[in-house]
N, C-alpha and C. Protein backbone atom coordinates (compact mmCIF):
# COMPACT_ATOMS: atom_id res chain seq x y z
N UNK A 1 61.96 55.58 54.70
CA UNK A 1 61.65 56.76 54.74
C UNK A 1 60.18 56.95 56.03
N UNK A 2 60.07 57.20 57.17
CA UNK A 2 59.36 57.18 57.90
C UNK A 2 58.72 58.66 57.91
N UNK A 3 58.75 59.80 57.59
CA UNK A 3 58.43 61.12 57.15
C UNK A 3 57.29 61.15 55.93
N UNK A 4 56.96 61.44 56.45
CA UNK A 4 56.04 61.28 54.32
C UNK A 4 56.71 62.72 54.00
N UNK A 5 57.07 61.70 51.89
CA UNK A 5 57.61 62.42 51.28
C UNK A 5 57.12 63.90 51.05
N UNK A 6 57.63 64.91 51.17
CA UNK A 6 57.53 66.15 51.12
C UNK A 6 57.03 66.69 49.33
N UNK A 7 55.79 67.15 48.90
CA UNK A 7 56.23 67.54 48.00
C UNK A 7 55.18 68.98 47.64
N UNK A 8 55.82 69.84 46.77
CA UNK A 8 54.99 70.96 47.11
C UNK A 8 54.54 71.63 45.68
N UNK A 9 53.33 71.76 45.32
CA UNK A 9 53.27 72.09 43.96
C UNK A 9 52.34 73.75 43.75
N UNK A 10 53.24 74.39 42.67
CA UNK A 10 52.78 75.45 42.60
C UNK A 10 51.58 75.81 41.72
N UNK A 11 51.09 76.54 42.69
CA UNK A 11 49.28 77.23 42.94
C UNK A 11 49.31 78.40 41.88
N UNK A 12 48.33 78.62 40.94
CA UNK A 12 48.44 79.43 40.16
C UNK A 12 46.81 79.66 40.40
N UNK A 13 46.20 81.12 40.14
CA UNK A 13 44.95 81.65 40.56
C UNK A 13 44.14 81.37 39.18
N UNK A 14 44.57 81.23 37.96
CA UNK A 14 44.55 81.38 36.52
C UNK A 14 43.83 79.71 36.56
N UNK A 15 44.44 79.13 36.94
CA UNK A 15 44.39 77.40 36.56
C UNK A 15 44.15 76.39 37.93
N UNK A 16 43.67 76.60 39.34
CA UNK A 16 43.04 75.75 39.90
C UNK A 16 42.87 74.23 40.09
N UNK A 17 42.53 74.17 38.74
CA UNK A 17 41.57 73.00 38.41
C UNK A 17 43.18 72.08 38.49
N UNK A 18 43.99 72.58 37.58
CA UNK A 18 45.16 71.65 37.39
C UNK A 18 45.84 71.15 38.53
N UNK A 19 45.81 71.81 39.67
CA UNK A 19 46.39 71.81 40.68
C UNK A 19 46.11 70.45 41.39
N UNK A 20 44.76 71.02 41.62
CA UNK A 20 44.24 69.69 42.20
C UNK A 20 44.33 68.75 41.70
N UNK A 21 44.42 68.52 39.91
CA UNK A 21 44.37 66.98 39.43
C UNK A 21 45.72 66.63 39.71
N UNK A 22 46.40 67.57 39.60
CA UNK A 22 48.31 67.05 40.07
C UNK A 22 48.35 66.49 41.68
N UNK A 23 47.84 66.86 42.11
CA UNK A 23 47.73 66.95 43.92
C UNK A 23 46.99 65.45 43.77
N UNK A 24 45.74 65.21 43.63
CA UNK A 24 45.27 63.85 43.08
C UNK A 24 45.92 62.67 42.59
N UNK A 25 46.26 62.79 41.61
CA UNK A 25 47.13 61.77 40.65
C UNK A 25 48.49 61.37 41.18
N UNK A 26 48.85 62.31 42.31
CA UNK A 26 49.90 61.78 42.67
C UNK A 26 49.32 61.37 43.84
N UNK A 27 49.01 62.05 44.98
CA UNK A 27 48.52 60.78 46.01
C UNK A 27 47.93 59.66 46.03
N UNK A 28 46.76 59.24 44.82
CA UNK A 28 46.31 57.85 44.62
C UNK A 28 47.20 56.96 44.08
N UNK A 29 47.91 57.23 43.80
CA UNK A 29 49.28 56.57 43.08
C UNK A 29 50.24 56.29 44.19
N UNK A 30 50.88 56.82 45.21
CA UNK A 30 51.77 56.89 46.12
C UNK A 30 51.52 55.59 46.93
N UNK A 31 52.48 55.02 46.90
CA UNK A 31 52.90 53.71 47.98
C UNK A 31 53.72 54.34 48.96
N UNK A 32 53.87 55.51 49.20
CA UNK A 32 54.11 55.55 50.59
C UNK A 32 53.33 57.32 50.99
N UNK A 33 53.89 57.64 52.29
CA UNK A 33 53.14 58.38 52.94
C UNK A 33 53.65 59.94 52.10
N UNK A 34 52.59 60.60 52.16
CA UNK A 34 53.26 61.62 51.15
C UNK A 34 52.59 63.18 51.75
N UNK A 35 52.98 63.99 51.78
CA UNK A 35 52.66 65.50 52.35
C UNK A 35 52.75 66.37 51.25
N UNK A 36 51.51 66.60 50.50
CA UNK A 36 51.34 67.68 49.39
C UNK A 36 51.43 69.48 49.92
N UNK A 37 51.46 70.38 49.36
CA UNK A 37 51.48 71.61 50.20
C UNK A 37 51.37 72.75 48.24
N UNK A 38 50.63 73.85 48.52
CA UNK A 38 50.55 74.41 47.44
C UNK A 38 51.88 75.57 47.70
N UNK A 39 52.30 76.12 46.54
CA UNK A 39 52.85 77.28 46.96
C UNK A 39 51.89 78.26 46.29
N UNK A 40 51.59 79.56 47.39
CA UNK A 40 50.37 80.17 46.50
C UNK A 40 51.27 81.87 47.28
N UNK A 41 51.16 82.40 45.87
CA UNK A 41 51.99 84.04 46.11
C UNK A 41 51.82 84.43 47.06
N UNK A 42 50.03 84.63 47.30
CA UNK A 42 49.79 85.33 48.18
C UNK A 42 50.12 85.16 49.53
N UNK A 43 49.98 83.67 49.97
CA UNK A 43 50.73 83.92 51.52
C UNK A 43 52.20 83.86 51.53
N UNK A 44 52.81 83.48 50.55
CA UNK A 44 54.40 83.81 50.71
C UNK A 44 54.71 85.54 50.96
N UNK A 45 54.02 86.20 50.07
CA UNK A 45 54.04 87.83 50.22
C UNK A 45 53.48 88.68 51.76
N UNK A 46 52.08 87.62 52.39
CA UNK A 46 52.19 87.66 53.97
C UNK A 46 52.88 87.55 54.62
N UNK A 47 53.51 86.14 54.53
CA UNK A 47 55.08 85.89 55.21
C UNK A 47 56.01 86.32 55.37
N UNK A 48 56.28 87.30 54.24
CA UNK A 48 57.50 88.15 54.07
C UNK A 48 58.16 87.22 53.45
N UNK A 49 58.44 86.64 52.68
CA UNK A 49 59.16 85.10 52.23
C UNK A 49 59.24 85.97 50.69
N UNK A 50 58.25 86.14 50.22
CA UNK A 50 58.54 87.28 48.63
C UNK A 50 58.34 88.23 48.81
N UNK A 51 59.09 88.81 47.47
CA UNK A 51 58.60 90.44 48.02
C UNK A 51 59.29 91.13 45.92
N UNK A 52 59.18 90.28 45.24
CA UNK A 52 59.63 90.38 43.78
C UNK A 52 58.42 91.00 43.29
N UNK A 53 58.65 92.22 42.67
CA UNK A 53 57.73 92.90 41.67
C UNK A 53 56.91 92.19 40.57
N UNK A 54 55.72 92.11 40.66
CA UNK A 54 55.32 91.15 39.16
C UNK A 54 56.10 90.68 38.07
N UNK A 55 56.68 90.16 36.95
CA UNK A 55 57.38 90.04 36.35
C UNK A 55 56.26 89.74 35.15
N UNK A 56 56.53 90.78 33.70
CA UNK A 56 55.70 90.39 32.86
C UNK A 56 56.11 89.65 31.98
N UNK A 57 57.04 88.93 31.42
CA UNK A 57 57.32 87.44 31.55
C UNK A 57 57.54 86.60 32.40
N UNK A 58 56.77 86.62 33.47
CA UNK A 58 56.59 85.02 34.21
C UNK A 58 55.14 84.68 34.21
N UNK A 59 55.14 83.66 33.20
CA UNK A 59 54.21 82.86 33.10
C UNK A 59 53.08 82.27 34.12
N UNK A 60 53.70 82.29 35.01
CA UNK A 60 52.70 81.46 36.19
C UNK A 60 53.14 82.34 37.64
N UNK A 61 52.28 82.18 38.43
CA UNK A 61 52.90 83.04 39.73
C UNK A 61 53.45 82.44 40.58
N UNK A 62 54.19 81.15 40.31
CA UNK A 62 55.47 80.37 40.87
C UNK A 62 56.52 80.25 40.26
N UNK A 63 56.02 81.05 38.92
CA UNK A 63 57.22 81.24 38.65
C UNK A 63 58.92 81.46 39.23
N UNK A 64 58.97 82.13 40.03
CA UNK A 64 59.94 82.32 41.22
C UNK A 64 59.92 81.68 42.33
N UNK A 65 58.54 81.58 42.92
CA UNK A 65 58.50 81.30 44.00
C UNK A 65 58.94 79.96 44.32
N UNK A 66 59.01 79.14 43.69
CA UNK A 66 59.01 77.54 43.15
C UNK A 66 60.66 77.30 44.55
N UNK A 67 61.45 78.51 44.03
CA UNK A 67 62.78 78.15 44.61
C UNK A 67 62.73 79.07 46.05
N UNK A 68 61.74 78.85 46.73
CA UNK A 68 61.84 78.66 48.27
C UNK A 68 61.30 77.42 48.28
N UNK A 69 61.16 76.24 48.26
CA UNK A 69 60.47 75.28 48.19
C UNK A 69 61.84 74.56 49.18
N UNK A 70 62.79 74.77 49.40
CA UNK A 70 63.90 74.79 50.22
C UNK A 70 63.52 75.18 51.68
N UNK A 71 63.12 76.44 51.49
CA UNK A 71 62.93 77.21 53.01
C UNK A 71 61.58 77.11 53.31
N UNK A 72 60.51 76.84 52.83
CA UNK A 72 59.38 76.15 52.93
C UNK A 72 59.88 74.79 53.85
N UNK A 73 60.53 74.02 53.07
CA UNK A 73 60.66 72.44 54.07
C UNK A 73 61.91 72.67 55.28
N UNK A 74 62.25 74.24 55.59
CA UNK A 74 63.43 73.99 56.89
C UNK A 74 64.74 73.92 56.38
N UNK A 75 65.11 73.89 55.30
CA UNK A 75 65.89 73.68 54.76
C UNK A 75 66.59 72.14 55.97
N UNK A 76 65.90 71.02 55.21
CA UNK A 76 66.05 69.49 56.10
C UNK A 76 65.43 69.11 55.00
N UNK A 77 66.72 67.57 55.09
CA UNK A 77 65.69 66.43 54.68
C UNK A 77 65.75 66.93 52.75
N UNK A 78 64.59 66.51 52.01
CA UNK A 78 64.73 66.12 50.49
C UNK A 78 62.99 66.41 50.34
N UNK A 79 63.27 67.64 49.29
CA UNK A 79 61.22 67.92 49.25
C UNK A 79 61.37 68.34 47.63
N UNK A 80 60.40 67.62 47.10
CA UNK A 80 60.28 67.63 45.72
C UNK A 80 58.92 68.77 45.22
N UNK A 81 59.80 69.73 43.96
CA UNK A 81 58.95 70.84 43.69
C UNK A 81 58.48 70.37 42.45
N UNK A 82 56.89 70.68 42.17
CA UNK A 82 56.82 70.32 40.68
C UNK A 82 55.44 71.44 40.02
N UNK A 83 55.04 71.69 38.88
CA UNK A 83 54.54 72.80 38.66
C UNK A 83 53.51 71.81 38.69
N UNK A 84 52.02 72.78 38.18
CA UNK A 84 50.84 72.35 38.69
C UNK A 84 49.95 71.15 37.11
N UNK A 85 50.68 71.66 36.00
CA UNK A 85 50.41 71.22 35.08
C UNK A 85 51.05 69.72 35.06
N UNK A 86 51.07 69.08 35.63
CA UNK A 86 51.46 67.92 35.55
C UNK A 86 50.31 66.50 36.16
N UNK A 87 50.54 65.63 35.59
CA UNK A 87 49.66 64.52 35.57
C UNK A 87 50.49 63.18 36.16
N UNK A 88 50.23 63.05 37.06
CA UNK A 88 50.58 61.84 37.58
C UNK A 88 50.64 60.42 37.50
N UNK A 89 51.08 59.60 36.63
CA UNK A 89 50.58 58.42 36.55
C UNK A 89 51.29 57.06 37.02
N UNK A 90 52.56 57.72 37.74
CA UNK A 90 53.38 56.85 37.79
C UNK A 90 53.29 56.66 39.73
N UNK A 91 54.21 56.07 40.11
CA UNK A 91 54.55 55.98 41.65
C UNK A 91 55.61 57.16 42.01
N UNK A 92 55.51 57.66 43.33
CA UNK A 92 56.52 58.77 43.55
C UNK A 92 57.50 58.18 44.61
N UNK A 93 57.10 56.91 45.11
CA UNK A 93 58.07 55.86 45.59
C UNK A 93 59.05 55.81 44.64
N UNK A 94 59.02 56.01 43.15
CA UNK A 94 60.16 55.89 42.77
C UNK A 94 61.64 57.14 42.27
N UNK A 95 61.48 57.70 43.10
CA UNK A 95 62.12 58.99 43.27
C UNK A 95 63.09 58.98 44.96
N UNK A 96 62.31 57.80 46.21
CA UNK A 96 63.32 58.04 47.00
C UNK A 96 64.30 57.27 46.46
N UNK A 97 65.23 56.54 46.05
CA UNK A 97 66.01 56.59 46.05
C UNK A 97 67.19 57.16 45.67
N UNK A 98 66.76 58.34 44.70
CA UNK A 98 67.52 59.52 44.41
C UNK A 98 68.15 60.07 45.84
N UNK A 99 67.29 59.84 46.83
CA UNK A 99 67.50 60.70 47.71
C UNK A 99 68.73 60.09 48.99
N UNK A 100 69.52 59.26 48.15
CA UNK A 100 70.13 58.16 48.85
C UNK A 100 72.00 58.71 48.43
N UNK A 101 71.79 59.70 47.83
CA UNK A 101 73.04 60.56 47.56
C UNK A 101 73.16 61.76 47.90
N UNK A 102 74.62 61.96 47.67
CA UNK A 102 75.25 63.56 48.21
C UNK A 102 74.63 64.80 46.90
N UNK A 103 73.81 64.25 46.04
CA UNK A 103 73.77 65.53 45.00
C UNK A 103 73.08 66.13 45.28
N UNK A 104 72.95 67.75 44.75
CA UNK A 104 72.25 69.14 45.58
C UNK A 104 70.86 68.56 45.09
N UNK A 105 70.46 68.63 44.06
CA UNK A 105 69.29 68.87 43.00
C UNK A 105 69.49 67.79 42.16
N UNK A 106 67.58 67.48 42.16
CA UNK A 106 67.77 66.15 40.63
C UNK A 106 66.54 66.73 39.83
N UNK A 107 66.83 66.65 38.52
CA UNK A 107 65.72 67.52 37.73
C UNK A 107 65.52 66.43 36.16
N UNK A 108 64.99 66.08 35.33
CA UNK A 108 65.36 65.90 34.35
C UNK A 108 65.37 66.86 33.34
N UNK A 109 66.95 66.39 32.85
CA UNK A 109 67.58 67.57 31.99
C UNK A 109 67.72 67.70 30.48
N UNK A 110 66.36 68.21 30.08
CA UNK A 110 65.86 68.43 28.90
C UNK A 110 66.65 69.42 28.03
N UNK A 111 66.85 69.07 26.83
CA UNK A 111 67.68 70.00 26.19
C UNK A 111 66.19 70.36 24.97
N UNK A 112 65.47 71.50 25.40
CA UNK A 112 64.13 71.98 24.87
C UNK A 112 63.89 73.06 24.31
N UNK A 113 63.02 73.24 22.82
CA UNK A 113 63.37 74.55 22.41
C UNK A 113 61.87 74.66 21.89
N UNK A 114 61.26 75.32 22.41
CA UNK A 114 59.35 75.32 22.35
C UNK A 114 59.43 76.27 21.09
N UNK A 115 58.15 75.16 20.58
CA UNK A 115 57.71 75.89 18.62
C UNK A 115 57.08 76.93 18.99
N UNK A 116 56.13 77.05 19.41
CA UNK A 116 55.22 78.15 19.82
C UNK A 116 55.58 79.18 20.31
N UNK A 117 54.77 80.48 20.54
CA UNK A 117 55.19 81.62 20.32
C UNK A 117 54.23 82.28 21.94
N UNK A 118 52.91 81.49 22.28
CA UNK A 118 52.59 81.55 23.18
C UNK A 118 52.07 79.72 23.68
N UNK A 119 51.78 79.63 25.29
CA UNK A 119 51.07 78.82 25.88
C UNK A 119 50.18 79.34 26.75
N UNK A 120 49.39 78.12 27.23
CA UNK A 120 48.65 77.73 28.18
C UNK A 120 47.26 79.10 28.12
N UNK A 121 47.04 80.28 28.24
CA UNK A 121 46.08 81.35 27.92
C UNK A 121 46.23 82.50 27.54
N UNK A 122 47.78 82.12 26.75
CA UNK A 122 48.17 82.72 26.09
C UNK A 122 49.50 83.86 26.63
N UNK A 123 50.15 83.13 27.56
CA UNK A 123 51.09 83.15 28.04
C UNK A 123 52.55 83.16 27.16
N UNK A 124 53.48 84.38 27.15
CA UNK A 124 54.24 84.21 26.35
C UNK A 124 55.21 83.18 26.30
N UNK A 125 55.37 82.37 25.34
CA UNK A 125 56.58 81.30 25.76
C UNK A 125 58.19 81.64 25.32
N UNK A 126 58.52 81.91 26.62
CA UNK A 126 60.27 82.29 26.68
C UNK A 126 60.88 81.52 26.10
N UNK A 127 62.07 81.62 25.31
CA UNK A 127 63.12 80.37 25.57
C UNK A 127 64.30 80.47 26.08
N UNK A 128 65.36 79.58 27.16
CA UNK A 128 66.20 79.84 27.66
C UNK A 128 67.04 78.63 27.83
N UNK A 129 68.05 78.91 27.80
CA UNK A 129 69.04 77.45 28.42
C UNK A 129 68.18 76.79 29.19
N UNK A 130 68.41 75.02 29.41
CA UNK A 130 68.01 74.65 31.14
C UNK A 130 66.43 74.96 30.71
N UNK A 131 65.90 74.92 29.90
CA UNK A 131 64.09 75.59 30.21
C UNK A 131 63.30 73.90 30.29
N UNK A 132 62.52 74.17 31.43
CA UNK A 132 61.92 73.22 32.27
C UNK A 132 62.62 72.25 32.87
N UNK A 133 64.11 72.69 33.12
CA UNK A 133 65.05 71.83 34.41
C UNK A 133 63.87 71.94 35.50
N UNK A 134 63.57 73.32 35.84
CA UNK A 134 62.95 73.60 36.98
C UNK A 134 61.29 73.21 37.46
N UNK A 135 61.34 72.59 36.37
CA UNK A 135 59.83 72.26 36.39
C UNK A 135 59.31 71.38 37.47
N UNK A 136 60.41 70.48 37.75
CA UNK A 136 60.24 69.40 38.34
C UNK A 136 61.51 69.41 39.01
N UNK A 137 61.59 69.55 40.15
CA UNK A 137 63.26 69.61 40.89
C UNK A 137 63.13 68.64 42.13
N UNK A 138 63.51 67.96 42.89
CA UNK A 138 64.27 67.27 43.86
C UNK A 138 64.90 67.99 44.79
N UNK A 139 64.57 68.33 45.51
CA UNK A 139 65.89 69.14 46.42
C UNK A 139 66.38 68.52 47.42
N UNK A 140 67.70 68.74 48.23
CA UNK A 140 68.28 67.91 49.07
C UNK A 140 68.39 69.14 49.87
N UNK A 141 67.53 69.40 50.76
CA UNK A 141 67.30 70.78 51.38
C UNK A 141 69.11 71.00 52.65
N UNK A 142 69.51 69.62 52.51
CA UNK A 142 70.69 69.94 53.68
C UNK A 142 72.18 70.65 52.99
N UNK A 143 71.55 70.33 51.39
CA UNK A 143 72.74 70.70 50.90
C UNK A 143 73.43 72.08 50.75
N UNK A 144 74.92 71.86 50.96
CA UNK A 144 75.10 73.59 51.17
C UNK A 144 74.65 74.91 49.74
N UNK A 145 75.04 74.21 48.60
CA UNK A 145 74.11 75.17 47.67
C UNK A 145 72.43 75.13 47.64
N UNK A 146 71.75 74.41 48.23
CA UNK A 146 70.58 74.25 48.00
C UNK A 146 70.41 75.51 49.54
N UNK A 147 70.95 75.44 50.90
CA UNK A 147 70.87 76.30 51.61
C UNK A 147 71.16 77.81 51.35
N UNK A 148 71.35 78.12 49.97
CA UNK A 148 71.85 79.49 49.63
C UNK A 148 70.82 79.76 49.21
N UNK A 149 69.66 78.85 48.61
CA UNK A 149 68.48 79.48 48.18
C UNK A 149 67.22 80.46 49.05
N UNK A 150 68.51 81.42 50.23
CA UNK A 150 67.81 82.19 51.09
C UNK A 150 66.61 82.78 50.60
N UNK A 151 65.43 83.48 51.33
CA UNK A 151 64.44 84.39 50.56
C UNK A 151 65.26 85.39 49.65
N UNK A 152 66.03 86.22 50.48
CA UNK A 152 66.86 87.35 49.42
C UNK A 152 67.29 87.10 48.40
N UNK A 153 67.97 85.55 48.49
CA UNK A 153 68.49 85.52 46.82
C UNK A 153 67.55 85.30 46.06
N UNK A 154 66.07 84.45 46.86
CA UNK A 154 65.05 84.25 45.63
C UNK A 154 64.16 85.70 45.14
N UNK A 155 64.41 86.64 45.98
CA UNK A 155 63.69 88.23 45.78
C UNK A 155 65.12 88.95 44.81
N UNK A 156 65.82 88.83 44.97
CA UNK A 156 66.70 89.17 44.16
C UNK A 156 67.48 88.88 42.96
N UNK A 157 67.62 87.45 42.77
CA UNK A 157 68.43 86.81 41.66
C UNK A 157 67.87 87.56 40.33
N UNK A 158 68.51 87.10 39.36
CA UNK A 158 67.43 87.18 37.92
C UNK A 158 66.99 85.73 37.94
N UNK A 159 66.29 85.90 36.85
CA UNK A 159 65.51 84.96 36.55
C UNK A 159 66.49 83.79 35.91
N UNK A 160 67.18 83.95 35.17
CA UNK A 160 68.28 83.18 34.36
C UNK A 160 69.24 82.43 35.57
N UNK A 161 69.63 82.77 36.54
CA UNK A 161 70.46 82.55 38.18
C UNK A 161 69.40 81.92 38.44
N UNK A 162 68.55 81.40 38.33
CA UNK A 162 67.58 80.65 39.16
C UNK A 162 67.31 79.62 38.46
N UNK A 163 66.94 79.76 37.58
CA UNK A 163 66.06 78.69 36.48
C UNK A 163 66.92 78.12 35.52
N UNK A 164 68.44 78.59 35.27
CA UNK A 164 69.88 77.78 34.98
C UNK A 164 70.24 77.15 36.09
N UNK A 165 69.93 77.01 36.71
CA UNK A 165 70.67 76.55 37.99
C UNK A 165 72.30 76.96 37.91
N UNK A 166 72.05 78.60 38.04
CA UNK A 166 73.45 78.67 38.42
C UNK A 166 74.01 78.98 39.81
N UNK A 167 72.84 78.73 40.98
CA UNK A 167 72.84 78.78 42.19
C UNK A 167 73.83 77.36 42.69
N UNK A 168 74.26 76.43 41.58
CA UNK A 168 74.58 74.79 42.46
C UNK A 168 75.45 74.53 40.73
N UNK A 169 76.46 74.09 41.36
CA UNK A 169 77.79 73.38 40.27
C UNK A 169 77.08 72.40 39.75
N UNK A 170 77.75 72.10 38.07
CA UNK A 170 76.95 71.60 37.39
C UNK A 170 77.01 70.02 37.79
N UNK A 171 78.35 69.70 38.85
CA UNK A 171 78.50 68.18 39.23
C UNK A 171 77.19 68.07 40.20
N UNK A 172 77.02 68.92 41.12
CA UNK A 172 76.31 68.78 41.96
C UNK A 172 74.31 68.15 41.39
N UNK A 173 74.47 68.84 40.39
CA UNK A 173 73.28 68.32 39.70
C UNK A 173 72.73 67.10 39.49
N UNK A 174 71.86 66.17 40.04
CA UNK A 174 71.38 64.91 39.23
C UNK A 174 70.73 64.65 37.75
N UNK A 175 70.71 63.70 37.22
CA UNK A 175 69.67 63.65 36.25
C UNK A 175 69.02 62.91 36.27
N UNK A 176 67.12 62.81 36.49
CA UNK A 176 66.27 62.10 36.08
C UNK A 176 65.53 61.61 34.93
N UNK A 177 65.29 60.07 34.91
CA UNK A 177 64.88 59.77 33.09
C UNK A 177 63.71 60.83 33.09
N UNK A 178 63.45 60.80 31.88
CA UNK A 178 62.68 61.70 31.44
C UNK A 178 61.50 61.03 31.77
N UNK A 179 61.00 60.42 31.99
CA UNK A 179 59.95 59.91 32.33
C UNK A 179 58.62 60.26 33.46
N UNK A 180 59.86 61.06 34.58
CA UNK A 180 59.36 61.72 35.79
C UNK A 180 59.34 63.06 34.86
N UNK A 181 59.05 63.53 33.89
CA UNK A 181 58.64 65.10 33.64
C UNK A 181 59.09 65.11 32.12
N UNK A 182 58.36 64.14 31.46
CA UNK A 182 57.46 64.24 29.98
C UNK A 182 56.71 65.35 29.52
N UNK A 183 57.75 66.04 28.25
CA UNK A 183 56.82 67.30 27.76
C UNK A 183 56.25 66.50 27.04
N UNK A 184 54.65 67.14 26.91
CA UNK A 184 53.31 66.56 26.13
C UNK A 184 53.81 68.03 24.90
N UNK A 185 53.50 66.90 23.84
CA UNK A 185 54.17 68.27 22.32
C UNK A 185 55.56 68.11 22.30
N UNK A 186 56.45 67.48 22.97
CA UNK A 186 57.70 67.73 22.62
C UNK A 186 58.72 66.30 22.95
N UNK A 187 58.31 65.62 23.74
CA UNK A 187 59.12 63.77 24.32
C UNK A 187 58.21 63.23 23.30
N UNK A 188 58.47 62.04 22.69
CA UNK A 188 58.69 61.07 22.53
C UNK A 188 57.66 60.14 23.32
N UNK A 189 56.42 59.15 22.90
CA UNK A 189 55.53 58.83 23.79
C UNK A 189 56.26 57.23 23.41
N UNK A 190 56.32 57.31 24.62
CA UNK A 190 57.07 55.53 25.24
C UNK A 190 56.22 54.34 24.58
N UNK A 191 56.95 53.45 24.08
CA UNK A 191 56.26 52.25 23.15
C UNK A 191 55.01 51.44 23.62
N UNK A 192 55.26 51.36 25.03
CA UNK A 192 54.56 50.60 25.81
C UNK A 192 54.20 51.16 27.46
N UNK A 193 52.85 51.54 27.97
CA UNK A 193 52.82 51.81 29.03
C UNK A 193 52.65 53.37 28.73
N UNK A 194 52.65 54.16 30.13
CA UNK A 194 52.86 55.83 30.32
C UNK A 194 53.90 56.29 30.73
N UNK A 195 54.39 57.39 31.13
CA UNK A 195 55.42 58.45 31.52
C UNK A 195 55.14 58.18 32.76
N UNK A 196 55.81 58.34 34.07
CA UNK A 196 55.59 58.43 35.15
C UNK A 196 54.73 59.70 35.33
N UNK A 197 55.24 61.12 34.54
CA UNK A 197 54.60 62.33 35.49
C UNK A 197 54.56 62.90 33.70
N UNK A 198 53.63 63.13 33.30
CA UNK A 198 53.14 63.82 31.93
C UNK A 198 53.03 65.33 32.49
N UNK A 199 53.97 66.34 31.51
CA UNK A 199 53.83 67.62 32.18
C UNK A 199 53.22 68.92 30.81
N UNK A 200 51.95 69.65 30.75
CA UNK A 200 51.28 69.99 30.26
C UNK A 200 51.79 70.97 30.13
N UNK A 201 53.19 71.13 29.55
CA UNK A 201 54.11 72.60 29.99
C UNK A 201 53.89 73.60 28.26
N UNK A 202 53.10 72.89 27.48
CA UNK A 202 52.31 74.10 26.71
C UNK A 202 50.93 74.57 26.58
N UNK A 203 50.19 73.28 27.39
CA UNK A 203 49.01 73.96 27.99
C UNK A 203 47.89 72.82 28.32
N UNK A 204 47.13 72.67 28.86
CA UNK A 204 46.53 71.22 29.21
C UNK A 204 44.74 71.34 29.02
N UNK A 205 44.22 70.05 29.25
CA UNK A 205 42.66 70.40 29.13
C UNK A 205 41.56 70.83 30.07
N UNK A 206 42.27 71.85 30.75
CA UNK A 206 41.59 72.86 31.66
C UNK A 206 41.59 74.19 30.43
N UNK A 207 42.78 74.28 29.74
CA UNK A 207 41.81 75.46 28.99
C UNK A 207 41.32 74.67 27.49
N UNK A 208 40.53 75.35 27.12
CA UNK A 208 39.44 75.26 25.98
C UNK A 208 40.15 75.16 24.79
N UNK A 209 41.21 75.91 24.78
CA UNK A 209 42.24 75.62 23.18
C UNK A 209 43.11 74.64 23.47
N UNK A 210 43.41 73.50 24.79
CA UNK A 210 44.18 72.55 24.83
C UNK A 210 43.78 71.07 25.06
N UNK A 211 42.64 71.25 24.24
CA UNK A 211 41.71 69.83 24.34
C UNK A 211 42.32 68.37 23.82
N UNK A 212 42.83 68.56 22.82
CA UNK A 212 43.55 67.90 21.81
C UNK A 212 45.13 66.95 22.08
N UNK A 213 45.03 66.95 23.08
CA UNK A 213 46.36 67.08 23.42
C UNK A 213 46.88 65.25 23.88
N UNK A 214 48.01 64.84 23.77
CA UNK A 214 48.41 63.76 24.08
C UNK A 214 48.06 63.40 25.78
N UNK A 215 47.67 62.39 25.99
CA UNK A 215 47.03 61.75 27.44
C UNK A 215 46.09 62.93 28.11
N UNK A 216 45.58 63.87 27.71
CA UNK A 216 44.42 64.44 27.95
C UNK A 216 42.87 63.73 28.04
N UNK A 217 43.05 62.50 27.76
CA UNK A 217 42.13 62.03 28.15
C UNK A 217 41.60 61.27 28.82
N UNK A 218 43.46 60.91 29.78
CA UNK A 218 43.46 60.33 30.95
C UNK A 218 43.88 61.85 32.01
N UNK A 219 43.56 62.98 31.74
CA UNK A 219 43.82 63.75 32.53
C UNK A 219 42.55 64.19 32.62
N UNK A 220 41.56 64.38 31.96
CA UNK A 220 39.37 64.15 31.78
C UNK A 220 39.25 63.56 33.36
N UNK A 221 40.18 61.95 32.30
CA UNK A 221 39.51 61.01 34.44
C UNK A 221 40.12 61.42 35.34
N UNK A 222 40.93 61.73 35.56
CA UNK A 222 41.53 62.07 36.74
C UNK A 222 41.18 62.93 37.19
N UNK A 223 40.51 64.17 36.44
CA UNK A 223 39.02 65.50 37.03
C UNK A 223 38.14 64.81 37.71
N UNK A 224 37.95 63.68 36.52
CA UNK A 224 36.29 63.25 37.13
C UNK A 224 36.55 62.31 38.48
N UNK A 225 37.68 61.64 38.36
CA UNK A 225 37.62 60.69 39.56
C UNK A 225 37.61 61.86 40.82
N UNK A 226 38.21 62.50 40.76
CA UNK A 226 38.79 63.98 42.09
C UNK A 226 37.19 64.71 42.08
N UNK A 227 36.65 64.60 40.93
CA UNK A 227 35.40 65.60 41.57
C UNK A 227 34.50 64.68 42.33
N UNK A 228 34.29 63.70 41.73
CA UNK A 228 33.87 62.48 42.98
C UNK A 228 34.06 62.30 44.62
N UNK A 229 35.47 62.77 44.76
CA UNK A 229 35.90 62.39 46.11
C UNK A 229 35.98 64.09 46.51
N UNK A 230 35.03 64.72 46.30
CA UNK A 230 35.61 66.20 47.21
C UNK A 230 34.11 66.36 47.26
């Protein structure tokens, strides 16, 4: 892979520290060149790419803007999106082999039913089919289905259409191992080692009420290491 592996991470003004650690932990373990870009809702509105009204059910600022990743990638090549509440403990180069297939998008195909009514700093925890599939998506931006995610579609279509991946045929959705989007508080911890990417989907150690979570100590260590470089 000659060009950098392009990664777009959701950014939310309520948890900028989460983004910083996600970016830092991904970059420091990458054995290949990477470029990491925050997806900021204000920037996208200023560019005229995002026009949706605020959704009271949207738990983050990137609830819908994540689907503009292919647009931001110029509808060419492959690009990864992930939420900001990730801690990367593996080498992102492990995702490169998946880019050698004709699938439209890869994700971890969770069968997830949240137990809590709220998450993070009190945001409503909604439940729907294919929940968390869209929290990490490896897009084939040259695929016809992905090219269909135009700004007009992202601004017009329902959350169900976007998050349940109704914009792509099921046969064109590839499956990633759970270690690439390991849901804290839901997935079973591996017998040895750690997941490639820990997803603090309920809430992470940057929130006062979410200190005692699995791998929270590793997140805090990563935050401290990142602080020394800034």
